[in-house]
């Protein structure tokens, strides 16, 4: 997964394309922003 308070432009897209969860702040909590087309990469 990749998570952060600030994520540089393109890092979220890179992580998504590599099969990683993308976690972003959402109010007082966080949320996984991957959509229904996301395919988790198995290690």
PDB file of N, CA and C in Angstrom:
ATOM      1  N   UNK A   1       0.852  -1.186   0.000  1.00  0.00           N
ATOM      2  CA  UNK A   1       0.000   0.000   0.000  1.00  0.00           C
ATOM      3  C   UNK A   1       0.883   1.229   0.000  1.00  0.00           C
ATOM      4  N   UNK A   2       0.336   2.292  -0.496  1.00  0.00           N
ATOM      5  CA  UNK A   2       0.989   3.587  -0.402  1.00  0.00           C
ATOM      6  C   UNK A   2       0.007   4.511   0.299  1.00  0.00           C
ATOM      7  N   UNK A   3       0.509   5.233   1.295  1.00  0.00           N
ATOM      8  CA  UNK A   3      -0.336   6.139   2.067  1.00  0.00           C
ATOM      9  C   UNK A   3       0.464   7.373   2.425  1.00  0.00           C
ATOM     10  N   UNK A   4      -0.227   8.475   2.602  1.00  0.00           N
ATOM     11  CA  UNK A   4       0.466   9.680   3.009  1.00  0.00           C
ATOM     12  C   UNK A   4      -0.470  10.846   3.155  1.00  0.00           C
ATOM     13  N   UNK A   5      -0.019  11.824   3.920  1.00  0.00           N
ATOM     14  CA  UNK A   5      -0.782  13.056   4.069  1.00  0.00           C
ATOM     15  C   UNK A   5      -0.708  13.837   2.767  1.00  0.00           C
ATOM     16  N   UNK A   6       0.470  13.847   2.171  1.00  0.00           N
ATOM     17  CA  UNK A   6       0.661  14.472   0.867  1.00  0.00           C
ATOM     18  C   UNK A   6       1.262  13.427  -0.066  1.00  0.00           C
ATOM     19  N   UNK A   7       0.642  13.239  -1.200  1.00  0.00           N
ATOM     20  CA  UNK A   7       1.147  12.287  -2.189  1.00  0.00           C
ATOM     21  C   UNK A   7       1.484  13.074  -3.445  1.00  0.00           C
ATOM     22  N   UNK A   8       2.741  12.994  -3.873  1.00  0.00           N
ATOM     23  CA  UNK A   8       3.167  13.720  -5.068  1.00  0.00           C
ATOM     24  C   UNK A   8       2.357  13.285  -6.286  1.00  0.00           C
ATOM     25  N   UNK A   9       2.197  14.195  -7.221  1.00  0.00           N
ATOM     26  CA  UNK A   9       1.426  13.926  -8.428  1.00  0.00           C
ATOM     27  C   UNK A   9       1.960  12.697  -9.159  1.00  0.00           C
ATOM     28  N   UNK A  10       1.073  11.794  -9.468  1.00  0.00           N
ATOM     29  CA  UNK A  10       1.436  10.603 -10.219  1.00  0.00           C
ATOM     30  C   UNK A  10       1.770   9.394  -9.364  1.00  0.00           C
ATOM     31  N   UNK A  11       2.122   9.602  -8.102  1.00  0.00           N
ATOM     32  CA  UNK A  11       2.475   8.475  -7.227  1.00  0.00           C
ATOM     33  C   UNK A  11       1.268   7.571  -6.996  1.00  0.00           C
ATOM     34  N   UNK A  12       0.096   8.173  -6.814  1.00  0.00           N
ATOM     35  CA  UNK A  12      -1.103   7.368  -6.602  1.00  0.00           C
ATOM     36  C   UNK A  12      -1.416   6.513  -7.827  1.00  0.00           C
ATOM     37  N   UNK A  13      -1.289   7.069  -9.001  1.00  0.00           N
ATOM     38  CA  UNK A  13      -1.531   6.332 -10.245  1.00  0.00           C
ATOM     39  C   UNK A  13      -0.499   5.214 -10.423  1.00  0.00           C
ATOM     40  N   UNK A  14       0.757   5.511 -10.099  1.00  0.00           N
ATOM     41  CA  UNK A  14       1.827   4.517 -10.190  1.00  0.00           C
ATOM     42  C   UNK A  14       1.529   3.331  -9.266  1.00  0.00           C
ATOM     43  N   UNK A  15       1.182   3.621  -8.011  1.00  0.00           N
ATOM     44  CA  UNK A  15       0.887   2.566  -7.041  1.00  0.00           C
ATOM     45  C   UNK A  15      -0.307   1.729  -7.493  1.00  0.00           C
ATOM     46  N   UNK A  16      -1.345   2.389  -7.970  1.00  0.00           N
ATOM     47  CA  UNK A  16      -2.534   1.695  -8.462  1.00  0.00           C
ATOM     48  C   UNK A  16      -2.163   0.736  -9.586  1.00  0.00           C
ATOM     49  N   UNK A  17      -1.384   1.216 -10.539  1.00  0.00           N
ATOM     50  CA  UNK A  17      -0.985   0.389 -11.683  1.00  0.00           C
ATOM     51  C   UNK A  17      -0.070  -0.763 -11.285  1.00  0.00           C
ATOM     52  N   UNK A  18       0.634  -0.637 -10.169  1.00  0.00           N
ATOM     53  CA  UNK A  18       1.502  -1.701  -9.668  1.00  0.00           C
ATOM     54  C   UNK A  18       0.753  -2.687  -8.782  1.00  0.00           C
ATOM     55  N   UNK A  19      -0.551  -2.479  -8.584  1.00  0.00           N
ATOM     56  CA  UNK A  19      -1.355  -3.405  -7.795  1.00  0.00           C
ATOM     57  C   UNK A  19      -1.318  -3.134  -6.308  1.00  0.00           C
ATOM     58  N   UNK A  20      -1.002  -1.903  -5.922  1.00  0.00           N
ATOM     59  CA  UNK A  20      -0.955  -1.524  -4.513  1.00  0.00           C
ATOM     60  C   UNK A  20      -2.208  -0.746  -4.128  1.00  0.00           C
ATOM     61  N   UNK A  21      -2.623  -0.877  -2.878  1.00  0.00           N
ATOM     62  CA  UNK A  21      -3.721  -0.062  -2.380  1.00  0.00           C
ATOM     63  C   UNK A  21      -3.246   1.376  -2.239  1.00  0.00           C
ATOM     64  N   UNK A  22      -4.120   2.324  -2.562  1.00  0.00           N
ATOM     65  CA  UNK A  22      -3.819   3.743  -2.405  1.00  0.00           C
ATOM     66  C   UNK A  22      -4.723   4.269  -1.297  1.00  0.00           C
ATOM     67  N   UNK A  23      -4.105   4.796  -0.232  1.00  0.00           N
ATOM     68  CA  UNK A  23      -4.823   5.254   0.952  1.00  0.00           C
ATOM     69  C   UNK A  23      -4.598   6.749   1.100  1.00  0.00           C
ATOM     70  N   UNK A  24      -5.700   7.521   1.142  1.00  0.00           N
ATOM     71  CA  UNK A  24      -5.605   8.977   1.252  1.00  0.00           C
ATOM     72  C   UNK A  24      -6.417   9.463   2.448  1.00  0.00           C
ATOM     73  N   UNK A  25      -6.023  10.615   3.014  1.00  0.00           N
ATOM     74  CA  UNK A  25      -6.790  11.196   4.117  1.00  0.00           C
ATOM     75  C   UNK A  25      -8.212  11.537   3.680  1.00  0.00           C
ATOM     76  N   UNK A  26      -9.137  11.392   4.620  1.00  0.00           N
ATOM     77  CA  UNK A  26     -10.538  11.736   4.378  1.00  0.00           C
ATOM     78  C   UNK A  26     -11.134  12.220   5.688  1.00  0.00           C
ATOM     79  N   UNK A  27     -11.083  13.526   5.913  1.00  0.00           N
ATOM     80  CA  UNK A  27     -11.574  14.078   7.176  1.00  0.00           C
ATOM     81  C   UNK A  27     -10.685  13.647   8.323  1.00  0.00           C
ATOM     82  N   UNK A  28     -11.280  13.022   9.342  1.00  0.00           N
ATOM     83  CA  UNK A  28     -10.527  12.559  10.509  1.00  0.00           C
ATOM     84  C   UNK A  28     -10.023  11.130  10.348  1.00  0.00           C
ATOM     85  N   UNK A  29     -10.200  10.552   9.201  1.00  0.00           N
ATOM     86  CA  UNK A  29      -9.815   9.164   8.969  1.00  0.00           C
ATOM     87  C   UNK A  29      -9.125   9.048   7.608  1.00  0.00           C
ATOM     88  N   UNK A  30      -8.995   7.852   7.092  1.00  0.00           N
ATOM     89  CA  UNK A  30      -8.421   7.625   5.764  1.00  0.00           C
ATOM     90  C   UNK A  30      -9.356   6.717   4.979  1.00  0.00           C
ATOM     91  N   UNK A  31      -9.160   6.679   3.664  1.00  0.00           N
ATOM     92  CA  UNK A  31      -9.947   5.775   2.839  1.00  0.00           C
ATOM     93  C   UNK A  31      -9.083   5.176   1.742  1.00  0.00           C
ATOM     94  N   UNK A  32      -9.420   3.962   1.354  1.00  0.00           N
ATOM     95  CA  UNK A  32      -8.774   3.308   0.218  1.00  0.00           C
ATOM     96  C   UNK A  32      -9.510   3.799  -1.022  1.00  0.00           C
ATOM     97  N   UNK A  33      -8.766   4.396  -1.960  1.00  0.00           N
ATOM     98  CA  UNK A  33      -9.419   5.030  -3.104  1.00  0.00           C
ATOM     99  C   UNK A  33      -9.403   4.186  -4.375  1.00  0.00           C
ATOM    100  N   UNK A  34      -8.922   2.962  -4.303  1.00  0.00           N
ATOM    101  CA  UNK A  34      -8.921   2.090  -5.478  1.00  0.00           C
ATOM    102  C   UNK A  34     -10.365   1.828  -5.918  1.00  0.00           C
ATOM    103  N   UNK A  35     -10.597   1.799  -7.230  1.00  0.00           N
ATOM    104  CA  UNK A  35     -11.941   1.586  -7.751  1.00  0.00           C
ATOM    105  C   UNK A  35     -12.205   0.106  -8.030  1.00  0.00           C
ATOM    106  N   UNK A  36     -13.363  -0.173  -8.630  1.00  0.00           N
ATOM    107  CA  UNK A  36     -13.762  -1.562  -8.872  1.00  0.00           C
ATOM    108  C   UNK A  36     -12.924  -2.257  -9.938  1.00  0.00           C
ATOM    109  N   UNK A  37     -12.167  -1.506 -10.725  1.00  0.00           N
ATOM    110  CA  UNK A  37     -11.295  -2.104 -11.743  1.00  0.00           C
ATOM    111  C   UNK A  37      -9.924  -2.498 -11.196  1.00  0.00           C
ATOM    112  N   UNK A  38      -9.654  -2.172  -9.945  1.00  0.00           N
ATOM    113  CA  UNK A  38      -8.364  -2.447  -9.315  1.00  0.00           C
ATOM    114  C   UNK A  38      -8.102  -3.946  -9.235  1.00  0.00           C
ATOM    115  N   UNK A  39      -6.871  -4.331  -9.552  1.00  0.00           N
ATOM    116  CA  UNK A  39      -6.436  -5.729  -9.442  1.00  0.00           C
ATOM    117  C   UNK A  39      -5.228  -5.786  -8.516  1.00  0.00           C
ATOM    118  N   UNK A  40      -5.425  -6.390  -7.349  1.00  0.00           N
ATOM    119  CA  UNK A  40      -4.372  -6.534  -6.353  1.00  0.00           C
ATOM    120  C   UNK A  40      -3.256  -7.408  -6.900  1.00  0.00           C
ATOM    121  N   UNK A  41      -2.038  -6.990  -6.693  1.00  0.00           N
ATOM    122  CA  UNK A  41      -0.891  -7.783  -7.131  1.00  0.00           C
ATOM    123  C   UNK A  41      -0.497  -8.738  -6.006  1.00  0.00           C
ATOM    124  N   UNK A  42      -0.354 -10.002  -6.324  1.00  0.00           N
ATOM    125  CA  UNK A  42       0.070 -11.010  -5.361  1.00  0.00           C
ATOM    126  C   UNK A  42       1.588 -11.116  -5.399  1.00  0.00           C
ATOM    127  N   UNK A  43       2.194 -11.138  -4.230  1.00  0.00           N
ATOM    128  CA  UNK A  43       3.660 -11.201  -4.142  1.00  0.00           C
ATOM    129  C   UNK A  43       4.111 -12.624  -4.192  1.00  0.00           C
TER     130      UNK A  43
END
